[in-house]
Amino acid sequence: MESLNGSASYEYQKIKTAPQDPNLFNEPKGYKKITIDELEKLEAEWEKENKK
């Protein structure tokens, strides 16, 4: 199927849904939450390293 302005569009048929893995949205291994203060400290350190 093509639109009037020449861009393509698609039509999906026979789409099947399945149950999602319950672990799909778990935090990745090694993930660590940080505070905004910790983030600002990391950004300052990265900025110092990149100025060298």
N, C-alpha and C. Protein backbone atom coordinates (compact mmCIF):
# COMPACT_ATOMS: atom_id res chain seq x y z
N MET A 1 0.84 -1.17 0.00
CA MET A 1 0.00 0.00 0.00
C MET A 1 0.89 1.24 0.00
N GLU A 2 0.54 2.27 -0.75
CA GLU A 2 1.34 3.49 -0.82
C GLU A 2 0.46 4.70 -0.56
N SER A 3 0.99 5.68 0.16
CA SER A 3 0.20 6.87 0.46
C SER A 3 0.32 7.87 -0.69
N LEU A 4 -0.45 8.94 -0.62
CA LEU A 4 -0.46 9.94 -1.69
C LEU A 4 0.86 10.69 -1.80
N ASN A 5 1.58 10.86 -0.71
CA ASN A 5 2.85 11.60 -0.78
C ASN A 5 4.04 10.71 -1.15
N GLY A 6 3.80 9.44 -1.46
CA GLY A 6 4.86 8.55 -1.91
C GLY A 6 5.53 7.74 -0.82
N SER A 7 5.22 8.02 0.43
CA SER A 7 5.82 7.21 1.49
C SER A 7 5.04 5.90 1.63
N ALA A 8 5.72 4.89 2.06
CA ALA A 8 5.09 3.57 2.15
C ALA A 8 4.39 3.40 3.49
N SER A 9 3.37 2.61 3.48
CA SER A 9 2.71 2.21 4.72
C SER A 9 2.52 0.71 4.68
N TYR A 10 2.35 0.10 5.83
CA TYR A 10 2.27 -1.34 5.90
C TYR A 10 1.03 -1.77 6.66
N GLU A 11 0.50 -2.89 6.27
CA GLU A 11 -0.65 -3.47 6.95
C GLU A 11 -0.23 -4.85 7.46
N TYR A 12 -0.36 -5.05 8.75
CA TYR A 12 0.03 -6.33 9.35
C TYR A 12 -1.21 -7.20 9.50
N GLN A 13 -1.08 -8.44 9.10
CA GLN A 13 -2.19 -9.38 9.20
C GLN A 13 -1.72 -10.63 9.93
N LYS A 14 -2.65 -11.35 10.48
CA LYS A 14 -2.38 -12.61 11.18
C LYS A 14 -1.35 -12.44 12.29
N ILE A 15 -1.50 -11.40 13.08
CA ILE A 15 -0.59 -11.16 14.20
C ILE A 15 -1.02 -12.04 15.36
N LYS A 16 -0.06 -12.75 15.92
CA LYS A 16 -0.34 -13.62 17.06
C LYS A 16 0.34 -13.05 18.30
N THR A 17 -0.37 -13.06 19.41
CA THR A 17 0.24 -12.61 20.66
C THR A 17 0.55 -13.82 21.52
N ALA A 18 1.52 -13.68 22.35
CA ALA A 18 1.93 -14.77 23.24
C ALA A 18 2.20 -14.18 24.62
N PRO A 19 2.18 -15.01 25.63
CA PRO A 19 2.50 -14.51 26.97
C PRO A 19 3.93 -13.98 27.02
N GLN A 20 4.14 -12.92 27.79
CA GLN A 20 5.47 -12.34 27.93
C GLN A 20 6.23 -13.03 29.05
N ASP A 21 7.53 -13.13 28.88
CA ASP A 21 8.40 -13.66 29.92
C ASP A 21 8.33 -12.71 31.12
N PRO A 22 7.98 -13.19 32.30
CA PRO A 22 7.86 -12.29 33.45
C PRO A 22 9.18 -11.62 33.84
N ASN A 23 10.32 -12.16 33.41
CA ASN A 23 11.62 -11.58 33.73
C ASN A 23 12.07 -10.54 32.70
N LEU A 24 11.25 -10.30 31.71
CA LEU A 24 11.63 -9.41 30.61
C LEU A 24 12.02 -8.02 31.08
N PHE A 25 11.31 -7.50 32.07
CA PHE A 25 11.56 -6.13 32.51
C PHE A 25 12.28 -6.05 33.84
N ASN A 26 12.92 -7.13 34.26
CA ASN A 26 13.74 -7.08 35.48
C ASN A 26 14.96 -6.20 35.25
N GLU A 27 15.48 -5.65 36.33
CA GLU A 27 16.69 -4.85 36.22
C GLU A 27 17.85 -5.75 35.78
N PRO A 28 18.71 -5.27 34.87
CA PRO A 28 19.84 -6.08 34.41
C PRO A 28 20.80 -6.41 35.55
N LYS A 29 21.54 -7.49 35.39
CA LYS A 29 22.53 -7.90 36.38
C LYS A 29 23.57 -6.78 36.51
N GLY A 30 23.90 -6.42 37.71
CA GLY A 30 24.89 -5.37 37.94
C GLY A 30 24.30 -3.97 37.94
N TYR A 31 23.00 -3.84 37.74
CA TYR A 31 22.35 -2.53 37.72
C TYR A 31 22.37 -1.92 39.11
N LYS A 32 22.66 -0.63 39.19
CA LYS A 32 22.69 0.04 40.48
C LYS A 32 21.97 1.38 40.35
N LYS A 33 21.02 1.61 41.24
CA LYS A 33 20.35 2.91 41.27
C LYS A 33 21.28 3.89 41.98
N ILE A 34 21.30 5.13 41.48
CA ILE A 34 22.12 6.15 42.12
C ILE A 34 21.28 7.39 42.37
N THR A 35 21.74 8.20 43.29
CA THR A 35 21.05 9.45 43.60
C THR A 35 21.52 10.53 42.63
N ILE A 36 20.81 11.65 42.62
CA ILE A 36 21.20 12.75 41.74
C ILE A 36 22.57 13.29 42.16
N ASP A 37 22.86 13.26 43.46
CA ASP A 37 24.18 13.72 43.93
C ASP A 37 25.29 12.82 43.39
N GLU A 38 25.06 11.51 43.42
CA GLU A 38 26.05 10.57 42.89
C GLU A 38 26.24 10.78 41.38
N LEU A 39 25.15 11.05 40.68
CA LEU A 39 25.22 11.29 39.24
C LEU A 39 26.03 12.55 38.94
N GLU A 40 25.79 13.61 39.69
CA GLU A 40 26.54 14.85 39.48
C GLU A 40 28.03 14.64 39.74
N LYS A 41 28.35 13.84 40.77
CA LYS A 41 29.76 13.54 41.07
C LYS A 41 30.40 12.77 39.92
N LEU A 42 29.68 11.77 39.38
CA LEU A 42 30.21 11.00 38.25
C LEU A 42 30.42 11.89 37.03
N GLU A 43 29.45 12.77 36.76
CA GLU A 43 29.57 13.67 35.61
C GLU A 43 30.78 14.58 35.76
N ALA A 44 31.02 15.08 36.97
CA ALA A 44 32.19 15.94 37.22
C ALA A 44 33.48 15.16 36.98
N GLU A 45 33.53 13.91 37.42
CA GLU A 45 34.71 13.08 37.21
C GLU A 45 34.93 12.82 35.72
N TRP A 46 33.85 12.54 34.98
CA TRP A 46 33.97 12.29 33.54
C TRP A 46 34.46 13.55 32.82
N GLU A 47 33.96 14.70 33.27
CA GLU A 47 34.36 15.95 32.64
C GLU A 47 35.86 16.19 32.84
N LYS A 48 36.35 15.93 34.06
CA LYS A 48 37.78 16.08 34.34
C LYS A 48 38.61 15.15 33.45
N GLU A 49 38.16 13.90 33.30
CA GLU A 49 38.88 12.92 32.49
C GLU A 49 38.92 13.33 31.02
N ASN A 50 37.85 13.91 30.52
CA ASN A 50 37.77 14.27 29.10
C ASN A 50 38.53 15.55 28.78
N LYS A 51 38.84 16.36 29.78
CA LYS A 51 39.60 17.59 29.54
C LYS A 51 41.08 17.31 29.33
N LYS A 52 41.54 16.15 29.77
CA LYS A 52 42.97 15.80 29.66
C LYS A 52 43.39 15.61 28.23
